Amino acid sequence: MQIIQKIEDFLFDLFPNAKRNVEVLKEELIKYYTYGPYKSNVVIEDDLVIINIDTPSIILNKMGL
């Protein structure tokens, strides 16, 4: 799954620890979207944050396959 979000006030409201720092925001998003051993891949491009989550692996792991 891929989530693309514009970096704006709303995103900093959701992650107030970032305090308008995009590098801290990136780390907060990685922590938030990590599931068990599956760490999300977060990329910041211009005014966008792109979050890639390996949902197929998560689903297979959850099913015990």
PDB file of N, CA and C in Angstrom:
ATOM      1  N   MET A   1       0.847  -1.156   0.000  1.00  0.00           N
ATOM      2  CA  MET A   1       0.000   0.000   0.000  1.00  0.00           C
ATOM      3  C   MET A   1       0.900   1.228   0.000  1.00  0.00           C
ATOM      4  N   GLN A   2       0.454   2.250  -0.704  1.00  0.00           N
ATOM      5  CA  GLN A   2       1.198   3.498  -0.743  1.00  0.00           C
ATOM      6  C   GLN A   2       0.273   4.629  -0.309  1.00  0.00           C
ATOM      7  N   ILE A   3       0.773   5.453   0.587  1.00  0.00           N
ATOM      8  CA  ILE A   3       0.039   6.626   1.062  1.00  0.00           C
ATOM      9  C   ILE A   3       0.846   7.842   0.649  1.00  0.00           C
ATOM     10  N   ILE A   4       0.189   8.792   0.007  1.00  0.00           N
ATOM     11  CA  ILE A   4       0.838  10.036  -0.385  1.00  0.00           C
ATOM     12  C   ILE A   4       0.080  11.172   0.285  1.00  0.00           C
ATOM     13  N   GLN A   5       0.809  12.002   1.011  1.00  0.00           N
ATOM     14  CA  GLN A   5       0.191  13.089   1.762  1.00  0.00           C
ATOM     15  C   GLN A   5       1.014  14.354   1.572  1.00  0.00           C
ATOM     16  N   LYS A   6       0.337  15.437   1.329  1.00  0.00           N
ATOM     17  CA  LYS A   6       1.005  16.727   1.241  1.00  0.00           C
ATOM     18  C   LYS A   6       1.478  17.126   2.638  1.00  0.00           C
ATOM     19  N   ILE A   7       2.672  17.653   2.723  1.00  0.00           N
ATOM     20  CA  ILE A   7       3.189  18.125   4.004  1.00  0.00           C
ATOM     21  C   ILE A   7       2.576  19.494   4.266  1.00  0.00           C
ATOM     22  N   GLU A   8       1.701  19.522   5.257  1.00  0.00           N
ATOM     23  CA  GLU A   8       0.999  20.756   5.605  1.00  0.00           C
ATOM     24  C   GLU A   8       0.697  20.743   7.095  1.00  0.00           C
ATOM     25  N   ASP A   9       0.051  21.785   7.562  1.00  0.00           N
ATOM     26  CA  ASP A   9      -0.238  21.925   8.992  1.00  0.00           C
ATOM     27  C   ASP A   9      -0.954  20.710   9.566  1.00  0.00           C
ATOM     28  N   PHE A  10      -1.894  20.152   8.821  1.00  0.00           N
ATOM     29  CA  PHE A  10      -2.658  19.007   9.301  1.00  0.00           C
ATOM     30  C   PHE A  10      -1.741  17.846   9.704  1.00  0.00           C
ATOM     31  N   LEU A  11      -0.728  17.588   8.902  1.00  0.00           N
ATOM     32  CA  LEU A  11       0.189  16.483   9.188  1.00  0.00           C
ATOM     33  C   LEU A  11       0.983  16.752  10.464  1.00  0.00           C
ATOM     34  N   PHE A  12       1.379  17.994  10.655  1.00  0.00           N
ATOM     35  CA  PHE A  12       2.099  18.344  11.888  1.00  0.00           C
ATOM     36  C   PHE A  12       1.167  18.358  13.100  1.00  0.00           C
ATOM     37  N   ASP A  13      -0.126  18.586  12.872  1.00  0.00           N
ATOM     38  CA  ASP A  13      -1.093  18.463  13.972  1.00  0.00           C
ATOM     39  C   ASP A  13      -1.215  17.006  14.409  1.00  0.00           C
ATOM     40  N   LEU A  14      -1.169  16.083  13.445  1.00  0.00           N
ATOM     41  CA  LEU A  14      -1.252  14.656  13.766  1.00  0.00           C
ATOM     42  C   LEU A  14       0.010  14.147  14.455  1.00  0.00           C
ATOM     43  N   PHE A  15       1.157  14.728  14.104  1.00  0.00           N
ATOM     44  CA  PHE A  15       2.444  14.318  14.673  1.00  0.00           C
ATOM     45  C   PHE A  15       3.134  15.540  15.289  1.00  0.00           C
ATOM     46  N   PRO A  16       2.636  16.002  16.435  1.00  0.00           N
ATOM     47  CA  PRO A  16       3.154  17.238  17.032  1.00  0.00           C
ATOM     48  C   PRO A  16       4.611  17.148  17.484  1.00  0.00           C
ATOM     49  N   ASN A  17       5.134  15.949  17.723  1.00  0.00           N
ATOM     50  CA  ASN A  17       6.538  15.823  18.122  1.00  0.00           C
ATOM     51  C   ASN A  17       7.484  16.289  17.021  1.00  0.00           C
ATOM     52  N   ALA A  18       7.006  16.322  15.786  1.00  0.00           N
ATOM     53  CA  ALA A  18       7.844  16.732  14.663  1.00  0.00           C
ATOM     54  C   ALA A  18       8.176  18.216  14.720  1.00  0.00           C
ATOM     55  N   LYS A  19       7.321  19.017  15.318  1.00  0.00           N
ATOM     56  CA  LYS A  19       7.563  20.456  15.497  1.00  0.00           C
ATOM     57  C   LYS A  19       8.057  21.133  14.223  1.00  0.00           C
ATOM     58  N   ARG A  20       7.397  20.834  13.124  1.00  0.00           N
ATOM     59  CA  ARG A  20       7.684  21.444  11.817  1.00  0.00           C
ATOM     60  C   ARG A  20       9.029  21.032  11.224  1.00  0.00           C
ATOM     61  N   ASN A  21       9.633  19.991  11.747  1.00  0.00           N
ATOM     62  CA  ASN A  21      10.893  19.473  11.232  1.00  0.00           C
ATOM     63  C   ASN A  21      10.585  18.232  10.391  1.00  0.00           C
ATOM     64  N   VAL A  22      10.853  18.299   9.077  1.00  0.00           N
ATOM     65  CA  VAL A  22      10.471  17.194   8.195  1.00  0.00           C
ATOM     66  C   VAL A  22      11.259  15.919   8.467  1.00  0.00           C
ATOM     67  N   GLU A  23      12.484  16.022   8.920  1.00  0.00           N
ATOM     68  CA  GLU A  23      13.257  14.815   9.235  1.00  0.00           C
ATOM     69  C   GLU A  23      12.677  14.104  10.460  1.00  0.00           C
ATOM     70  N   VAL A  24      12.261  14.869  11.443  1.00  0.00           N
ATOM     71  CA  VAL A  24      11.608  14.276  12.621  1.00  0.00           C
ATOM     72  C   VAL A  24      10.244  13.718  12.209  1.00  0.00           C
ATOM     73  N   LEU A  25       9.543  14.420  11.339  1.00  0.00           N
ATOM     74  CA  LEU A  25       8.267  13.927  10.818  1.00  0.00           C
ATOM     75  C   LEU A  25       8.456  12.583  10.132  1.00  0.00           C
ATOM     76  N   LYS A  26       9.492  12.464   9.352  1.00  0.00           N
ATOM     77  CA  LYS A  26       9.791  11.205   8.655  1.00  0.00           C
ATOM     78  C   LYS A  26       9.976  10.075   9.664  1.00  0.00           C
ATOM     79  N   GLU A  27      10.747  10.306  10.707  1.00  0.00           N
ATOM     80  CA  GLU A  27      10.970   9.283  11.742  1.00  0.00           C
ATOM     81  C   GLU A  27       9.668   8.937  12.465  1.00  0.00           C
ATOM     82  N   GLU A  28       8.845   9.930  12.744  1.00  0.00           N
ATOM     83  CA  GLU A  28       7.555   9.685  13.400  1.00  0.00           C
ATOM     84  C   GLU A  28       6.654   8.820  12.511  1.00  0.00           C
ATOM     85  N   LEU A  29       6.648   9.093  11.219  1.00  0.00           N
ATOM     86  CA  LEU A  29       5.828   8.311  10.295  1.00  0.00           C
ATOM     87  C   LEU A  29       6.328   6.879  10.172  1.00  0.00           C
ATOM     88  N   ILE A  30       7.641   6.697  10.153  1.00  0.00           N
ATOM     89  CA  ILE A  30       8.206   5.343  10.112  1.00  0.00           C
ATOM     90  C   ILE A  30       7.750   4.566  11.342  1.00  0.00           C
ATOM     91  N   LYS A  31       7.845   5.196  12.515  1.00  0.00           N
ATOM     92  CA  LYS A  31       7.410   4.516  13.740  1.00  0.00           C
ATOM     93  C   LYS A  31       5.917   4.195  13.698  1.00  0.00           C
ATOM     94  N   TYR A  32       5.119   5.151  13.257  1.00  0.00           N
ATOM     95  CA  TYR A  32       3.672   4.973  13.255  1.00  0.00           C
ATOM     96  C   TYR A  32       3.233   3.859  12.306  1.00  0.00           C
ATOM     97  N   TYR A  33       3.849   3.776  11.140  1.00  0.00           N
ATOM     98  CA  TYR A  33       3.427   2.812  10.131  1.00  0.00           C
ATOM     99  C   TYR A  33       4.230   1.513  10.147  1.00  0.00           C
ATOM    100  N   THR A  34       5.020   1.282  11.180  1.00  0.00           N
ATOM    101  CA  THR A  34       5.714   0.019  11.342  1.00  0.00           C
ATOM    102  C   THR A  34       4.768  -0.975  11.998  1.00  0.00           C
ATOM    103  N   TYR A  35       4.742  -2.181  11.459  1.00  0.00           N
ATOM    104  CA  TYR A  35       3.899  -3.241  12.006  1.00  0.00           C
ATOM    105  C   TYR A  35       4.787  -4.434  12.309  1.00  0.00           C
ATOM    106  N   GLY A  36       4.970  -4.716  13.591  1.00  0.00           N
ATOM    107  CA  GLY A  36       5.861  -5.815  13.983  1.00  0.00           C
ATOM    108  C   GLY A  36       7.244  -5.577  13.399  1.00  0.00           C
ATOM    109  N   PRO A  37       7.795  -6.563  12.687  1.00  0.00           N
ATOM    110  CA  PRO A  37       9.133  -6.397  12.107  1.00  0.00           C
ATOM    111  C   PRO A  37       9.113  -5.654  10.762  1.00  0.00           C
ATOM    112  N   TYR A  38       7.939  -5.261  10.294  1.00  0.00           N
ATOM    113  CA  TYR A  38       7.820  -4.646   8.964  1.00  0.00           C
ATOM    114  C   TYR A  38       7.844  -3.122   9.071  1.00  0.00           C
ATOM    115  N   LYS A  39       8.988  -2.578   8.739  1.00  0.00           N
ATOM    116  CA  LYS A  39       9.204  -1.146   8.814  1.00  0.00           C
ATOM    117  C   LYS A  39       8.743  -0.498   7.512  1.00  0.00           C
ATOM    118  N   SER A  40       7.996   0.576   7.619  1.00  0.00           N
ATOM    119  CA  SER A  40       7.542   1.270   6.423  1.00  0.00           C
ATOM    120  C   SER A  40       8.689   2.058   5.801  1.00  0.00           C
ATOM    121  N   ASN A  41       8.589   2.293   4.512  1.00  0.00           N
ATOM    122  CA  ASN A  41       9.569   3.096   3.786  1.00  0.00           C
ATOM    123  C   ASN A  41       8.941   4.468   3.571  1.00  0.00           C
ATOM    124  N   VAL A  42       9.559   5.503   4.114  1.00  0.00           N
ATOM    125  CA  VAL A  42       9.030   6.860   4.014  1.00  0.00           C
ATOM    126  C   VAL A  42      10.011   7.715   3.229  1.00  0.00           C
ATOM    127  N   VAL A  43       9.484   8.377   2.189  1.00  0.00           N
ATOM    128  CA  VAL A  43      10.292   9.252   1.344  1.00  0.00           C
ATOM    129  C   VAL A  43       9.643  10.627   1.339  1.00  0.00           C
ATOM    130  N   ILE A  44      10.471  11.653   1.451  1.00  0.00           N
ATOM    131  CA  ILE A  44       9.971  13.015   1.361  1.00  0.00           C
ATOM    132  C   ILE A  44      10.486  13.609   0.061  1.00  0.00           C
ATOM    133  N   GLU A  45       9.538  14.035  -0.776  1.00  0.00           N
ATOM    134  CA  GLU A  45       9.869  14.662  -2.054  1.00  0.00           C
ATOM    135  C   GLU A  45       9.141  15.986  -2.147  1.00  0.00           C
ATOM    136  N   ASP A  46       9.908  17.059  -2.221  1.00  0.00           N
ATOM    137  CA  ASP A  46       9.339  18.406  -2.286  1.00  0.00           C
ATOM    138  C   ASP A  46       8.375  18.618  -1.126  1.00  0.00           C
ATOM    139  N   ASP A  47       7.092  18.793  -1.403  1.00  0.00           N
ATOM    140  CA  ASP A  47       6.117  19.039  -0.337  1.00  0.00           C
ATOM    141  C   ASP A  47       5.215  17.828  -0.095  1.00  0.00           C
ATOM    142  N   LEU A  48       5.714  16.639  -0.468  1.00  0.00           N
ATOM    143  CA  LEU A  48       4.945  15.411  -0.288  1.00  0.00           C
ATOM    144  C   LEU A  48       5.707  14.410   0.563  1.00  0.00           C
ATOM    145  N   VAL A  49       4.956  13.620   1.304  1.00  0.00           N
ATOM    146  CA  VAL A  49       5.525  12.474   1.998  1.00  0.00           C
ATOM    147  C   VAL A  49       4.889  11.235   1.367  1.00  0.00           C
ATOM    148  N   ILE A  50       5.725  10.268   1.018  1.00  0.00           N
ATOM    149  CA  ILE A  50       5.264   9.038   0.380  1.00  0.00           C
ATOM    150  C   ILE A  50       5.619   7.888   1.317  1.00  0.00           C
ATOM    151  N   ILE A  51       4.581   7.164   1.732  1.00  0.00           N
ATOM    152  CA  ILE A  51       4.752   6.068   2.686  1.00  0.00           C
ATOM    153  C   ILE A  51       4.431   4.766   1.967  1.00  0.00           C
ATOM    154  N   ASN A  52       5.386   3.863   1.942  1.00  0.00           N
ATOM    155  CA  ASN A  52       5.190   2.547   1.328  1.00  0.00           C
ATOM    156  C   ASN A  52       5.151   1.493   2.427  1.00  0.00           C
ATOM    157  N   ILE A  53       4.055   0.745   2.457  1.00  0.00           N
ATOM    158  CA  ILE A  53       3.854  -0.295   3.468  1.00  0.00           C
ATOM    159  C   ILE A  53       3.768  -1.634   2.749  1.00  0.00           C
ATOM    160  N   ASP A  54       4.558  -2.598   3.201  1.00  0.00           N
ATOM    161  CA  ASP A  54       4.584  -3.919   2.577  1.00  0.00           C
ATOM    162  C   ASP A  54       3.406  -4.757   3.085  1.00  0.00           C
ATOM    163  N   THR A  55       2.210  -4.397   2.671  1.00  0.00           N
ATOM    164  CA  THR A  55       1.009  -5.087   3.155  1.00  0.00           C
ATOM    165  C   THR A  55       0.948  -6.560   2.759  1.00  0.00           C
ATOM    166  N   PRO A  56       1.414  -6.968   1.562  1.00  0.00           N
ATOM    167  CA  PRO A  56       1.369  -8.410   1.260  1.00  0.00           C
ATOM    168  C   PRO A  56       2.157  -9.245   2.274  1.00  0.00           C
ATOM    169  N   SER A  57       3.341  -8.781   2.655  1.00  0.00           N
ATOM    170  CA  SER A  57       4.137  -9.527   3.639  1.00  0.00           C
ATOM    171  C   SER A  57       3.467  -9.535   5.005  1.00  0.00           C
ATOM    172  N   ILE A  58       2.878  -8.419   5.376  1.00  0.00           N
ATOM    173  CA  ILE A  58       2.187  -8.342   6.667  1.00  0.00           C
ATOM    174  C   ILE A  58       1.012  -9.317   6.697  1.00  0.00           C
ATOM    175  N   ILE A  59       0.244  -9.361   5.615  1.00  0.00           N
ATOM    176  CA  ILE A  59      -0.913 -10.257   5.549  1.00  0.00           C
ATOM    177  C   ILE A  59      -0.463 -11.717   5.603  1.00  0.00           C
ATOM    178  N   LEU A  60       0.577 -12.080   4.844  1.00  0.00           N
ATOM    179  CA  LEU A  60       1.079 -13.446   4.871  1.00  0.00           C
ATOM    180  C   LEU A  60       1.567 -13.828   6.259  1.00  0.00           C
ATOM    181  N   ASN A  61       2.258 -12.925   6.915  1.00  0.00           N
ATOM    182  CA  ASN A  61       2.761 -13.186   8.261  1.00  0.00           C
ATOM    183  C   ASN A  61       1.607 -13.361   9.236  1.00  0.00           C
ATOM    184  N   LYS A  62       0.603 -12.540   9.112  1.00  0.00           N
ATOM    185  CA  LYS A  62      -0.551 -12.623  10.007  1.00  0.00           C
ATOM    186  C   LYS A  62      -1.307 -13.934   9.829  1.00  0.00           C
ATOM    187  N   MET A  63      -1.300 -14.446   8.597  1.00  0.00           N
ATOM    188  CA  MET A  63      -1.979 -15.710   8.316  1.00  0.00           C
ATOM    189  C   MET A  63      -1.106 -16.908   8.683  1.00  0.00           C
ATOM    190  N   GLY A  64       0.142 -16.646   9.045  1.00  0.00           N
ATOM    191  CA  GLY A  64       1.037 -17.733   9.427  1.00  0.00           C
ATOM    192  C   GLY A  64       1.653 -18.454   8.247  1.00  0.00           C
ATOM    193  N   LEU A  65       1.675 -17.808   7.084  1.00  0.00           N
ATOM    194  CA  LEU A  65       2.256 -18.451   5.889  1.00  0.00           C
ATOM    195  C   LEU A  65       3.695 -18.064   5.714  1.00  0.00           C
TER     196      LEU A  65
END
